[in-house]
Every structure is written in structure tokens, then in C-alpha cells.
N, C-alpha and C. Protein backbone atom coordinates (compact mmCIF):
# COMPACT_ATOMS: atom_id res chain seq x y z
N MET A 1 33.57 88.95 52.48
CA MET A 1 34.91 88.75 51.98
C MET A 1 35.90 88.57 53.14
N LEU A 2 35.80 89.43 54.14
CA LEU A 2 36.67 89.34 55.30
C LEU A 2 36.43 88.04 56.04
N LEU A 3 35.18 87.61 56.13
CA LEU A 3 34.83 86.36 56.81
C LEU A 3 35.45 85.16 56.09
N CYS A 4 35.43 85.15 54.78
CA CYS A 4 36.05 84.07 54.00
C CYS A 4 37.55 84.04 54.23
N TYR A 5 38.18 85.20 54.29
CA TYR A 5 39.62 85.29 54.54
C TYR A 5 39.96 84.73 55.92
N ILE A 6 39.18 85.11 56.91
CA ILE A 6 39.43 84.64 58.28
C ILE A 6 39.22 83.12 58.36
N GLU A 7 38.17 82.62 57.74
CA GLU A 7 37.92 81.17 57.74
C GLU A 7 39.06 80.42 57.06
N ARG A 8 39.54 80.95 55.94
CA ARG A 8 40.64 80.31 55.22
C ARG A 8 41.92 80.32 56.07
N LYS A 9 42.21 81.43 56.72
CA LYS A 9 43.40 81.52 57.57
C LYS A 9 43.28 80.58 58.77
N ASN A 10 42.10 80.49 59.35
CA ASN A 10 41.90 79.56 60.47
C ASN A 10 42.08 78.11 60.04
N LYS A 11 41.60 77.78 58.86
CA LYS A 11 41.76 76.43 58.33
C LYS A 11 43.24 76.13 58.08
N GLU A 12 43.96 77.10 57.52
CA GLU A 12 45.39 76.93 57.28
C GLU A 12 46.14 76.74 58.60
N LEU A 13 45.78 77.53 59.59
CA LEU A 13 46.41 77.43 60.90
C LEU A 13 46.12 76.07 61.54
N LEU A 14 44.91 75.61 61.42
CA LEU A 14 44.53 74.30 61.95
C LEU A 14 45.33 73.19 61.27
N GLU A 15 45.47 73.26 59.97
CA GLU A 15 46.24 72.27 59.23
C GLU A 15 47.72 72.32 59.62
N LEU A 16 48.24 73.52 59.80
CA LEU A 16 49.63 73.67 60.21
C LEU A 16 49.85 73.07 61.60
N ASN A 17 48.94 73.34 62.53
CA ASN A 17 49.03 72.77 63.87
C ASN A 17 48.94 71.25 63.84
N LYS A 18 48.06 70.74 63.01
CA LYS A 18 47.91 69.29 62.87
C LYS A 18 49.21 68.67 62.36
N ARG A 19 49.80 69.28 61.36
CA ARG A 19 51.05 68.78 60.78
C ARG A 19 52.19 68.85 61.81
N MET A 20 52.23 69.93 62.57
CA MET A 20 53.27 70.07 63.60
C MET A 20 53.11 69.00 64.67
N ASN A 21 51.87 68.71 65.06
CA ASN A 21 51.64 67.65 66.05
C ASN A 21 52.07 66.29 65.53
N ILE A 22 51.79 66.02 64.27
CA ILE A 22 52.20 64.76 63.67
C ILE A 22 53.73 64.64 63.66
N LEU A 23 54.40 65.70 63.24
CA LEU A 23 55.86 65.67 63.19
C LEU A 23 56.46 65.56 64.58
N GLN A 24 55.87 66.23 65.55
CA GLN A 24 56.36 66.15 66.92
C GLN A 24 56.20 64.73 67.45
N HIS A 25 55.06 64.10 67.19
CA HIS A 25 54.85 62.71 67.63
C HIS A 25 55.87 61.79 66.97
N GLN A 26 56.10 61.98 65.68
CA GLN A 26 57.05 61.14 64.98
C GLN A 26 58.46 61.30 65.55
N ALA A 27 58.84 62.53 65.85
CA ALA A 27 60.17 62.77 66.41
C ALA A 27 60.31 62.14 67.79
N LEU A 28 59.29 62.29 68.62
CA LEU A 28 59.35 61.72 69.96
C LEU A 28 59.35 60.20 69.94
N SER A 29 58.58 59.63 69.03
CA SER A 29 58.52 58.17 68.94
C SER A 29 59.80 57.58 68.37
N ALA A 30 60.49 58.35 67.54
CA ALA A 30 61.68 57.84 66.89
C ALA A 30 62.89 57.79 67.81
N MET A 31 62.84 58.55 68.89
CA MET A 31 64.01 58.56 69.76
C MET A 31 63.68 57.91 71.10
N MET A 32 64.68 57.35 71.69
CA MET A 32 64.55 56.83 73.04
C MET A 32 65.48 57.62 73.92
N ASN A 33 65.08 57.79 75.13
CA ASN A 33 65.87 58.55 76.08
C ASN A 33 67.26 57.92 76.20
N PRO A 34 68.31 58.66 75.88
CA PRO A 34 69.67 58.11 75.99
C PRO A 34 70.02 57.67 77.41
N HIS A 35 69.49 58.35 78.40
CA HIS A 35 69.74 57.98 79.79
C HIS A 35 69.17 56.58 80.06
N PHE A 36 67.97 56.31 79.56
CA PHE A 36 67.35 55.00 79.72
C PHE A 36 68.20 53.92 79.05
N ILE A 37 68.65 54.19 77.84
CA ILE A 37 69.46 53.20 77.11
C ILE A 37 70.77 52.94 77.85
N PHE A 38 71.42 53.99 78.31
CA PHE A 38 72.68 53.84 79.05
C PHE A 38 72.47 53.00 80.32
N ASN A 39 71.44 53.34 81.09
CA ASN A 39 71.14 52.57 82.31
C ASN A 39 70.82 51.12 81.99
N SER A 40 70.08 50.90 80.92
CA SER A 40 69.72 49.53 80.55
C SER A 40 70.94 48.73 80.15
N LEU A 41 71.83 49.32 79.38
CA LEU A 41 73.04 48.60 78.98
C LEU A 41 73.93 48.31 80.19
N ASN A 42 73.99 49.25 81.11
CA ASN A 42 74.74 49.00 82.35
C ASN A 42 74.12 47.85 83.14
N SER A 43 72.81 47.79 83.16
CA SER A 43 72.14 46.70 83.88
C SER A 43 72.41 45.36 83.22
N VAL A 44 72.39 45.32 81.90
CA VAL A 44 72.70 44.08 81.18
C VAL A 44 74.13 43.67 81.47
N GLN A 45 75.04 44.62 81.43
CA GLN A 45 76.44 44.32 81.73
C GLN A 45 76.59 43.76 83.14
N HIS A 46 75.90 44.35 84.10
CA HIS A 46 75.95 43.86 85.48
C HIS A 46 75.41 42.43 85.56
N LEU A 47 74.31 42.16 84.89
CA LEU A 47 73.75 40.81 84.92
C LEU A 47 74.71 39.79 84.31
N VAL A 48 75.36 40.15 83.22
CA VAL A 48 76.33 39.26 82.58
C VAL A 48 77.53 39.05 83.51
N ASN A 49 78.03 40.12 84.08
CA ASN A 49 79.22 40.03 84.95
C ASN A 49 78.96 39.25 86.24
N THR A 50 77.71 39.16 86.64
CA THR A 50 77.38 38.41 87.86
C THR A 50 76.78 37.05 87.51
N ASP A 51 77.07 36.58 86.31
CA ASP A 51 76.64 35.26 85.82
C ASP A 51 75.13 35.05 85.88
N ARG A 52 74.39 36.11 85.62
CA ARG A 52 72.93 36.01 85.54
C ARG A 52 72.53 36.18 84.07
N ARG A 53 73.05 35.28 83.26
CA ARG A 53 72.90 35.38 81.81
C ARG A 53 71.45 35.22 81.34
N ILE A 54 70.67 34.41 81.98
CA ILE A 54 69.26 34.23 81.58
C ILE A 54 68.51 35.55 81.78
N GLU A 55 68.74 36.20 82.93
CA GLU A 55 68.10 37.49 83.19
C GLU A 55 68.59 38.54 82.19
N ALA A 56 69.88 38.51 81.87
CA ALA A 56 70.43 39.45 80.89
C ALA A 56 69.77 39.23 79.53
N ASN A 57 69.60 37.98 79.15
CA ASN A 57 68.95 37.66 77.88
C ASN A 57 67.51 38.15 77.87
N ASP A 58 66.79 37.94 78.96
CA ASP A 58 65.41 38.42 79.06
C ASP A 58 65.36 39.95 78.92
N TYR A 59 66.30 40.60 79.59
CA TYR A 59 66.38 42.06 79.56
C TYR A 59 66.60 42.57 78.14
N ILE A 60 67.55 41.93 77.45
CA ILE A 60 67.84 42.32 76.07
C ILE A 60 66.62 42.10 75.18
N SER A 61 65.92 40.99 75.38
CA SER A 61 64.72 40.71 74.58
C SER A 61 63.65 41.77 74.79
N LEU A 62 63.44 42.18 76.04
CA LEU A 62 62.46 43.22 76.33
C LEU A 62 62.86 44.56 75.72
N MET A 63 64.15 44.88 75.81
CA MET A 63 64.63 46.13 75.20
C MET A 63 64.44 46.11 73.69
N ALA A 64 64.71 44.98 73.07
CA ALA A 64 64.55 44.86 71.62
C ALA A 64 63.09 45.07 71.23
N ARG A 65 62.17 44.49 72.00
CA ARG A 65 60.74 44.68 71.72
C ARG A 65 60.35 46.14 71.85
N LEU A 66 60.86 46.81 72.90
CA LEU A 66 60.52 48.22 73.09
C LEU A 66 61.08 49.08 71.96
N ILE A 67 62.30 48.84 71.58
CA ILE A 67 62.91 49.59 70.47
C ILE A 67 62.12 49.36 69.18
N ARG A 68 61.74 48.11 68.93
CA ARG A 68 60.95 47.79 67.74
C ARG A 68 59.61 48.52 67.77
N MET A 69 58.95 48.54 68.93
CA MET A 69 57.68 49.25 69.06
C MET A 69 57.86 50.74 68.74
N ASN A 70 58.90 51.33 69.29
CA ASN A 70 59.15 52.75 69.04
C ASN A 70 59.42 53.03 67.57
N LEU A 71 60.19 52.18 66.94
CA LEU A 71 60.48 52.38 65.51
C LEU A 71 59.24 52.17 64.66
N ASN A 72 58.41 51.20 65.01
CA ASN A 72 57.19 50.94 64.25
C ASN A 72 56.19 52.08 64.35
N THR A 73 56.12 52.72 65.49
CA THR A 73 55.13 53.80 65.66
C THR A 73 55.67 55.16 65.25
N ALA A 74 56.96 55.26 64.98
CA ALA A 74 57.56 56.55 64.65
C ALA A 74 56.97 57.16 63.39
N SER A 75 56.55 56.35 62.46
CA SER A 75 56.04 56.87 61.20
C SER A 75 54.53 57.11 61.23
N GLN A 76 53.89 56.76 62.33
CA GLN A 76 52.44 56.94 62.44
C GLN A 76 52.13 58.33 62.98
N SER A 77 51.02 58.88 62.54
CA SER A 77 50.63 60.21 63.02
C SER A 77 50.01 60.15 64.40
N TYR A 78 49.49 59.01 64.78
CA TYR A 78 48.97 58.82 66.13
C TYR A 78 49.00 57.34 66.46
N ILE A 79 48.92 57.03 67.74
CA ILE A 79 48.82 55.64 68.18
C ILE A 79 47.66 55.54 69.15
N THR A 80 47.12 54.36 69.27
CA THR A 80 45.98 54.18 70.16
C THR A 80 46.44 54.15 71.61
N ILE A 81 45.51 54.34 72.49
CA ILE A 81 45.82 54.26 73.92
C ILE A 81 46.30 52.85 74.25
N GLU A 82 45.73 51.85 73.62
CA GLU A 82 46.16 50.48 73.85
C GLU A 82 47.62 50.27 73.47
N GLU A 83 48.02 50.83 72.32
CA GLU A 83 49.41 50.71 71.88
C GLU A 83 50.35 51.45 72.84
N GLU A 84 49.95 52.64 73.26
CA GLU A 84 50.79 53.40 74.19
C GLU A 84 50.87 52.69 75.54
N THR A 85 49.78 52.06 75.96
CA THR A 85 49.78 51.32 77.22
C THR A 85 50.71 50.12 77.14
N LYS A 86 50.70 49.42 76.01
CA LYS A 86 51.63 48.29 75.84
C LYS A 86 53.07 48.75 75.90
N ARG A 87 53.34 49.87 75.26
CA ARG A 87 54.70 50.41 75.26
C ARG A 87 55.11 50.84 76.67
N LEU A 88 54.19 51.47 77.39
CA LEU A 88 54.47 51.89 78.76
C LEU A 88 54.69 50.69 79.67
N GLU A 89 53.86 49.66 79.52
CA GLU A 89 54.02 48.45 80.33
C GLU A 89 55.36 47.78 80.07
N LEU A 90 55.77 47.73 78.83
CA LEU A 90 57.06 47.14 78.48
C LEU A 90 58.20 47.95 79.08
N TYR A 91 58.12 49.27 78.95
CA TYR A 91 59.13 50.14 79.54
C TYR A 91 59.21 49.94 81.05
N LEU A 92 58.06 49.89 81.72
CA LEU A 92 58.05 49.72 83.17
C LEU A 92 58.53 48.34 83.59
N THR A 93 58.27 47.33 82.78
CA THR A 93 58.80 45.99 83.06
C THR A 93 60.32 46.00 83.03
N ILE A 94 60.88 46.68 82.04
CA ILE A 94 62.33 46.79 81.94
C ILE A 94 62.89 47.54 83.15
N GLU A 95 62.25 48.65 83.51
CA GLU A 95 62.71 49.41 84.66
C GLU A 95 62.56 48.60 85.95
N LYS A 96 61.53 47.79 86.05
CA LYS A 96 61.34 46.94 87.24
C LYS A 96 62.46 45.90 87.32
N LEU A 97 62.86 45.34 86.19
CA LEU A 97 63.99 44.41 86.19
C LEU A 97 65.25 45.10 86.68
N ARG A 98 65.42 46.35 86.27
CA ARG A 98 66.62 47.10 86.64
C ARG A 98 66.59 47.53 88.10
N CYS A 99 65.43 47.95 88.58
CA CYS A 99 65.34 48.53 89.93
C CYS A 99 64.87 47.54 90.99
N GLY A 100 64.31 46.42 90.57
CA GLY A 100 63.83 45.43 91.53
C GLY A 100 62.64 45.94 92.33
N ASP A 101 62.65 45.65 93.62
CA ASP A 101 61.54 46.01 94.49
C ASP A 101 61.45 47.50 94.79
N LYS A 102 62.41 48.26 94.33
CA LYS A 102 62.37 49.71 94.55
C LYS A 102 61.29 50.37 93.69
N LEU A 103 60.82 49.66 92.68
CA LEU A 103 59.83 50.21 91.76
C LEU A 103 58.57 49.37 91.79
N SER A 104 57.46 50.03 91.97
CA SER A 104 56.16 49.36 91.80
C SER A 104 55.28 50.33 91.03
N TYR A 105 54.36 49.80 90.28
CA TYR A 105 53.51 50.66 89.47
C TYR A 105 52.16 50.00 89.23
N LYS A 106 51.21 50.82 88.88
CA LYS A 106 49.88 50.38 88.49
C LYS A 106 49.38 51.36 87.45
N ILE A 107 48.89 50.85 86.36
CA ILE A 107 48.41 51.71 85.28
C ILE A 107 46.88 51.70 85.32
N ASN A 108 46.31 52.87 85.47
CA ASN A 108 44.84 53.02 85.46
C ASN A 108 44.45 53.84 84.25
N ILE A 109 43.53 53.34 83.48
CA ILE A 109 43.04 54.06 82.32
C ILE A 109 41.55 54.30 82.53
N GLY A 110 41.19 55.56 82.56
CA GLY A 110 39.78 55.92 82.74
C GLY A 110 39.00 55.70 81.47
N LYS A 111 37.73 55.94 81.55
CA LYS A 111 36.86 55.82 80.38
C LYS A 111 37.19 56.92 79.40
N ILE A 112 37.09 56.57 78.14
CA ILE A 112 37.42 57.52 77.08
C ILE A 112 36.13 58.10 76.52
């Protein structure tokens, strides 16, 4: 009887942890760092003010794609490594546009 109670409580705890992880992922995916958004908008403004409108347009397009990706994955309980890698690459591309040669990166994914 005690063993059944412990097993039931462990199962409930596991389900609760699973649900909390899902909600945490959804919350994190639904929001974007306000600092990143502020910096990005400042960069777009700088590009427009210095008559680099094509670069500003490219920047806005990349930001729109990243925001769309974040909103699309916000309702999912998990995302694949491939999806997260695409999102990370897009984010780093935007940051590279903003920072120029000051930023370099390489993404390595080990075997799963």
C-alpha cells in the first residue's frame, strides 16, 4: 500500500515537473529580450539616418523572421535542435549586422 502511494506521488510529481517545463519553455519563447529589441531598433534608426536604407530593410526583415519564429514556437512544448539552431543563427546574423566585425561566431552541434 505504501509503495503504491509513493509510486502515485512520484508520477504526480513527474507530471507536475513536465507541465512546469512546458510552461517555462512557452514563456521564454513568447518573449524577446527587451534590450535586444531596443538595440535592434536603434541600429535600424542609425541605418536609416545614414542613408543605408537597403541594409535597414534587410535588418527589419531578419527581425521580423526572428519574431515570427519566436511566436510560432511559443505554443509548442518543445522544439527540435534544428529549429533552435535556425533561431540562434538568425539572432546571431542580426547581431552581426549590428556589431559588424566585432562579432564572429561558429555553431558546433555534437552528436545526439
